[in-house]
Amino acid sequence: MSAPISPIAYSYPDAAALLGLTPGALRDLVYKGRGPAVVRIGRRTLFAASDLAAWIEAHRVPAPPSPEVSAIPRRRRGRPTKASQLMIGKSA
């Protein structure tokens, strides 16, 4: 049995599915010049697998540093209780 062959080029629907976009959104990105590079073979427009990977890497954003848990006071929802109102009044 042979291993499955991964394609080297993807069509619009296949590339959009890999990127988590709709084909229309991918077409719009390419039209505006903000999408991955395309390969045109005759009338067909394809996306090279390496170009898709490079486009993803170029748009990678590092995660922001997580703040200290104790540094962020927990926000309470709703109306403040009488006890919290008294505490606020004493500190003012």
N, C-alpha and C. Protein backbone atom coordinates (compact mmCIF):
# COMPACT_ATOMS: atom_id res chain seq x y z
N MET A 1 0.83 -1.17 0.00
CA MET A 1 0.00 0.00 0.00
C MET A 1 0.88 1.24 0.00
N SER A 2 0.55 2.22 -0.81
CA SER A 2 1.35 3.43 -0.86
C SER A 2 0.73 4.52 0.02
N ALA A 3 1.58 5.42 0.45
CA ALA A 3 1.11 6.52 1.30
C ALA A 3 0.30 7.50 0.46
N PRO A 4 -0.67 8.17 1.07
CA PRO A 4 -1.46 9.14 0.29
C PRO A 4 -0.57 10.30 -0.16
N ILE A 5 -0.82 10.76 -1.36
CA ILE A 5 -0.03 11.85 -1.94
C ILE A 5 -0.70 13.17 -1.60
N SER A 6 0.07 14.07 -1.01
CA SER A 6 -0.50 15.38 -0.72
C SER A 6 -0.33 16.27 -1.95
N PRO A 7 -1.34 17.03 -2.28
CA PRO A 7 -1.25 17.87 -3.48
C PRO A 7 -0.25 19.01 -3.30
N ILE A 8 0.34 19.44 -4.41
CA ILE A 8 1.27 20.57 -4.35
C ILE A 8 0.57 21.87 -4.69
N ALA A 9 -0.65 21.78 -5.25
CA ALA A 9 -1.42 22.98 -5.58
C ALA A 9 -2.88 22.72 -5.27
N TYR A 10 -3.56 23.77 -4.81
CA TYR A 10 -4.96 23.67 -4.40
C TYR A 10 -5.81 24.63 -5.22
N SER A 11 -7.04 24.23 -5.48
CA SER A 11 -7.99 25.12 -6.15
C SER A 11 -8.55 26.10 -5.12
N TYR A 12 -9.35 27.06 -5.60
CA TYR A 12 -9.94 28.04 -4.68
C TYR A 12 -10.74 27.37 -3.56
N PRO A 13 -11.66 26.44 -3.86
CA PRO A 13 -12.43 25.84 -2.76
C PRO A 13 -11.55 25.05 -1.78
N ASP A 14 -10.58 24.33 -2.29
CA ASP A 14 -9.70 23.55 -1.41
C ASP A 14 -8.81 24.45 -0.56
N ALA A 15 -8.24 25.50 -1.17
CA ALA A 15 -7.38 26.41 -0.42
C ALA A 15 -8.18 27.17 0.62
N ALA A 16 -9.40 27.56 0.26
CA ALA A 16 -10.24 28.28 1.21
C ALA A 16 -10.59 27.39 2.40
N ALA A 17 -10.87 26.12 2.13
CA ALA A 17 -11.17 25.19 3.23
C ALA A 17 -9.96 25.01 4.14
N LEU A 18 -8.77 24.95 3.56
CA LEU A 18 -7.55 24.81 4.38
C LEU A 18 -7.32 26.04 5.25
N LEU A 19 -7.66 27.21 4.73
CA LEU A 19 -7.42 28.45 5.46
C LEU A 19 -8.58 28.82 6.38
N GLY A 20 -9.68 28.11 6.28
CA GLY A 20 -10.85 28.42 7.11
C GLY A 20 -11.61 29.63 6.60
N LEU A 21 -11.55 29.87 5.30
CA LEU A 21 -12.25 30.98 4.67
C LEU A 21 -13.28 30.44 3.69
N THR A 22 -14.17 31.30 3.25
CA THR A 22 -15.06 30.93 2.16
C THR A 22 -14.31 31.18 0.86
N PRO A 23 -14.67 30.49 -0.22
CA PRO A 23 -14.00 30.76 -1.50
C PRO A 23 -14.14 32.22 -1.93
N GLY A 24 -15.29 32.82 -1.65
CA GLY A 24 -15.48 34.23 -2.01
C GLY A 24 -14.56 35.15 -1.24
N ALA A 25 -14.35 34.88 0.04
CA ALA A 25 -13.44 35.70 0.85
C ALA A 25 -12.01 35.56 0.34
N LEU A 26 -11.62 34.34 -0.04
CA LEU A 26 -10.28 34.13 -0.57
C LEU A 26 -10.11 34.86 -1.90
N ARG A 27 -11.13 34.79 -2.76
CA ARG A 27 -11.07 35.52 -4.04
C ARG A 27 -10.93 37.02 -3.80
N ASP A 28 -11.64 37.53 -2.81
CA ASP A 28 -11.57 38.95 -2.51
C ASP A 28 -10.18 39.34 -2.02
N LEU A 29 -9.58 38.52 -1.17
CA LEU A 29 -8.23 38.80 -0.69
C LEU A 29 -7.23 38.81 -1.84
N VAL A 30 -7.36 37.85 -2.75
CA VAL A 30 -6.43 37.77 -3.89
C VAL A 30 -6.65 38.97 -4.81
N TYR A 31 -7.91 39.34 -5.04
CA TYR A 31 -8.22 40.48 -5.91
C TYR A 31 -7.63 41.77 -5.36
N LYS A 32 -7.68 41.93 -4.04
CA LYS A 32 -7.17 43.14 -3.41
C LYS A 32 -5.66 43.11 -3.19
N GLY A 33 -5.02 41.97 -3.51
CA GLY A 33 -3.58 41.86 -3.38
C GLY A 33 -3.12 41.54 -1.97
N ARG A 34 -4.02 41.12 -1.10
CA ARG A 34 -3.66 40.80 0.28
C ARG A 34 -3.68 39.30 0.55
N GLY A 35 -3.96 38.50 -0.44
CA GLY A 35 -4.04 37.05 -0.25
C GLY A 35 -2.75 36.36 -0.62
N PRO A 36 -2.75 35.03 -0.56
CA PRO A 36 -1.55 34.28 -0.94
C PRO A 36 -1.29 34.38 -2.44
N ALA A 37 -0.07 34.09 -2.83
CA ALA A 37 0.31 34.13 -4.24
C ALA A 37 -0.43 33.04 -5.01
N VAL A 38 -0.76 33.32 -6.25
CA VAL A 38 -1.49 32.36 -7.08
C VAL A 38 -0.60 31.85 -8.20
N VAL A 39 -0.95 30.68 -8.69
CA VAL A 39 -0.28 30.07 -9.84
C VAL A 39 -1.34 29.90 -10.91
N ARG A 40 -1.14 30.48 -12.06
CA ARG A 40 -2.12 30.35 -13.14
C ARG A 40 -1.59 29.36 -14.17
N ILE A 41 -2.39 28.32 -14.40
CA ILE A 41 -2.07 27.32 -15.41
C ILE A 41 -3.24 27.30 -16.37
N GLY A 42 -3.03 27.90 -17.53
CA GLY A 42 -4.14 28.03 -18.48
C GLY A 42 -5.20 28.94 -17.89
N ARG A 43 -6.42 28.45 -17.81
CA ARG A 43 -7.52 29.22 -17.22
C ARG A 43 -7.65 28.99 -15.72
N ARG A 44 -6.94 28.00 -15.22
CA ARG A 44 -7.09 27.64 -13.80
C ARG A 44 -6.20 28.49 -12.93
N THR A 45 -6.73 28.84 -11.78
CA THR A 45 -5.96 29.57 -10.77
C THR A 45 -5.79 28.64 -9.59
N LEU A 46 -4.55 28.37 -9.24
CA LEU A 46 -4.23 27.44 -8.15
C LEU A 46 -3.35 28.14 -7.12
N PHE A 47 -3.28 27.52 -5.97
CA PHE A 47 -2.43 28.01 -4.88
C PHE A 47 -1.44 26.92 -4.54
N ALA A 48 -0.14 27.23 -4.58
CA ALA A 48 0.89 26.27 -4.19
C ALA A 48 0.83 26.08 -2.68
N ALA A 49 1.03 24.86 -2.24
CA ALA A 49 0.99 24.55 -0.81
C ALA A 49 2.04 25.37 -0.06
N SER A 50 3.20 25.55 -0.65
CA SER A 50 4.25 26.33 0.02
C SER A 50 3.86 27.81 0.12
N ASP A 51 3.14 28.33 -0.88
CA ASP A 51 2.69 29.72 -0.81
C ASP A 51 1.63 29.91 0.27
N LEU A 52 0.75 28.93 0.45
CA LEU A 52 -0.25 29.01 1.51
C LEU A 52 0.42 29.01 2.88
N ALA A 53 1.41 28.13 3.05
CA ALA A 53 2.12 28.05 4.33
C ALA A 53 2.89 29.35 4.59
N ALA A 54 3.51 29.92 3.56
CA ALA A 54 4.26 31.17 3.72
C ALA A 54 3.32 32.32 4.06
N TRP A 55 2.14 32.35 3.45
CA TRP A 55 1.17 33.41 3.73
C TRP A 55 0.67 33.33 5.17
N ILE A 56 0.46 32.10 5.65
CA ILE A 56 0.03 31.92 7.04
C ILE A 56 1.13 32.40 7.99
N GLU A 57 2.37 32.03 7.73
CA GLU A 57 3.49 32.45 8.58
C GLU A 57 3.66 33.96 8.57
N ALA A 58 3.43 34.60 7.42
CA ALA A 58 3.59 36.05 7.32
C ALA A 58 2.54 36.79 8.13
N HIS A 59 1.39 36.15 8.36
CA HIS A 59 0.31 36.80 9.09
C HIS A 59 0.17 36.30 10.53
N ARG A 60 1.15 35.59 11.00
CA ARG A 60 1.11 35.10 12.37
C ARG A 60 1.36 36.25 13.34
N VAL A 61 0.54 36.34 14.37
CA VAL A 61 0.67 37.39 15.38
C VAL A 61 0.98 36.70 16.70
N PRO A 62 2.03 37.15 17.41
CA PRO A 62 2.33 36.51 18.69
C PRO A 62 1.23 36.80 19.70
N ALA A 63 1.01 35.85 20.57
CA ALA A 63 -0.02 36.01 21.60
C ALA A 63 0.45 37.05 22.61
N PRO A 64 -0.47 37.90 23.07
CA PRO A 64 -0.06 38.89 24.06
C PRO A 64 0.29 38.21 25.38
N PRO A 65 1.18 38.81 26.15
CA PRO A 65 1.52 38.18 27.43
C PRO A 65 0.30 38.16 28.35
N SER A 66 0.14 37.06 29.05
CA SER A 66 -1.02 36.95 29.92
C SER A 66 -0.77 37.77 31.19
N PRO A 67 -1.76 38.55 31.60
CA PRO A 67 -1.58 39.37 32.80
C PRO A 67 -1.65 38.50 34.05
N GLU A 68 -1.11 39.03 35.12
CA GLU A 68 -1.18 38.33 36.40
C GLU A 68 -2.63 38.21 36.81
N VAL A 69 -2.99 37.09 37.35
CA VAL A 69 -4.38 36.87 37.74
C VAL A 69 -4.77 37.80 38.87
N SER A 70 -3.88 38.03 39.81
CA SER A 70 -4.20 38.88 40.95
C SER A 70 -4.19 40.37 40.57
N ALA A 71 -3.57 40.75 39.46
CA ALA A 71 -3.48 42.15 39.07
C ALA A 71 -4.80 42.69 38.55
N ILE A 72 -5.66 41.83 38.06
CA ILE A 72 -6.93 42.26 37.50
C ILE A 72 -8.02 42.02 38.53
N PRO A 73 -8.64 43.10 39.03
CA PRO A 73 -9.73 42.87 39.97
C PRO A 73 -10.94 42.29 39.25
N ARG A 74 -11.59 41.39 39.88
CA ARG A 74 -12.76 40.76 39.28
C ARG A 74 -13.91 41.73 39.27
N ARG A 75 -14.55 41.88 38.16
CA ARG A 75 -15.68 42.77 38.02
C ARG A 75 -16.94 42.05 38.42
N ARG A 76 -17.66 42.66 39.30
CA ARG A 76 -18.92 42.07 39.73
C ARG A 76 -20.02 42.64 38.87
N ARG A 77 -20.95 41.80 38.52
CA ARG A 77 -22.06 42.25 37.69
C ARG A 77 -23.25 42.62 38.56
N GLY A 78 -24.06 43.53 38.07
CA GLY A 78 -25.28 43.89 38.78
C GLY A 78 -25.07 45.02 39.78
N ARG A 79 -26.05 45.22 40.57
CA ARG A 79 -26.04 46.28 41.57
C ARG A 79 -25.12 45.90 42.73
N PRO A 80 -24.33 46.86 43.24
CA PRO A 80 -23.46 46.53 44.36
C PRO A 80 -24.27 46.20 45.62
N THR A 81 -23.74 45.34 46.44
CA THR A 81 -24.41 44.98 47.69
C THR A 81 -24.22 46.10 48.70
N LYS A 82 -25.01 46.07 49.73
CA LYS A 82 -24.91 47.09 50.80
C LYS A 82 -23.52 47.02 51.45
N ALA A 83 -23.00 45.82 51.63
CA ALA A 83 -21.68 45.66 52.27
C ALA A 83 -20.61 46.32 51.41
N SER A 84 -20.65 46.13 50.09
CA SER A 84 -19.62 46.73 49.23
C SER A 84 -19.79 48.25 49.19
N GLN A 85 -21.04 48.74 49.26
CA GLN A 85 -21.25 50.18 49.29
C GLN A 85 -20.68 50.79 50.57
N LEU A 86 -20.84 50.08 51.68
CA LEU A 86 -20.29 50.56 52.95
C LEU A 86 -18.77 50.57 52.91
N MET A 87 -18.17 49.54 52.29
CA MET A 87 -16.71 49.48 52.19
C MET A 87 -16.18 50.61 51.32
N ILE A 88 -16.89 50.92 50.24
CA ILE A 88 -16.47 52.00 49.37
C ILE A 88 -16.60 53.34 50.11
N GLY A 89 -17.68 53.50 50.87
CA GLY A 89 -17.87 54.74 51.62
C GLY A 89 -16.81 54.95 52.68
N LYS A 90 -16.33 53.87 53.30
CA LYS A 90 -15.29 54.00 54.34
C LYS A 90 -13.95 54.37 53.76
N SER A 91 -13.64 53.86 52.54
CA SER A 91 -12.33 54.13 51.94
C SER A 91 -12.26 55.52 51.33
N ALA A 92 -13.39 56.16 51.08
CA ALA A 92 -13.38 57.48 50.43
C ALA A 92 -13.15 58.62 51.35
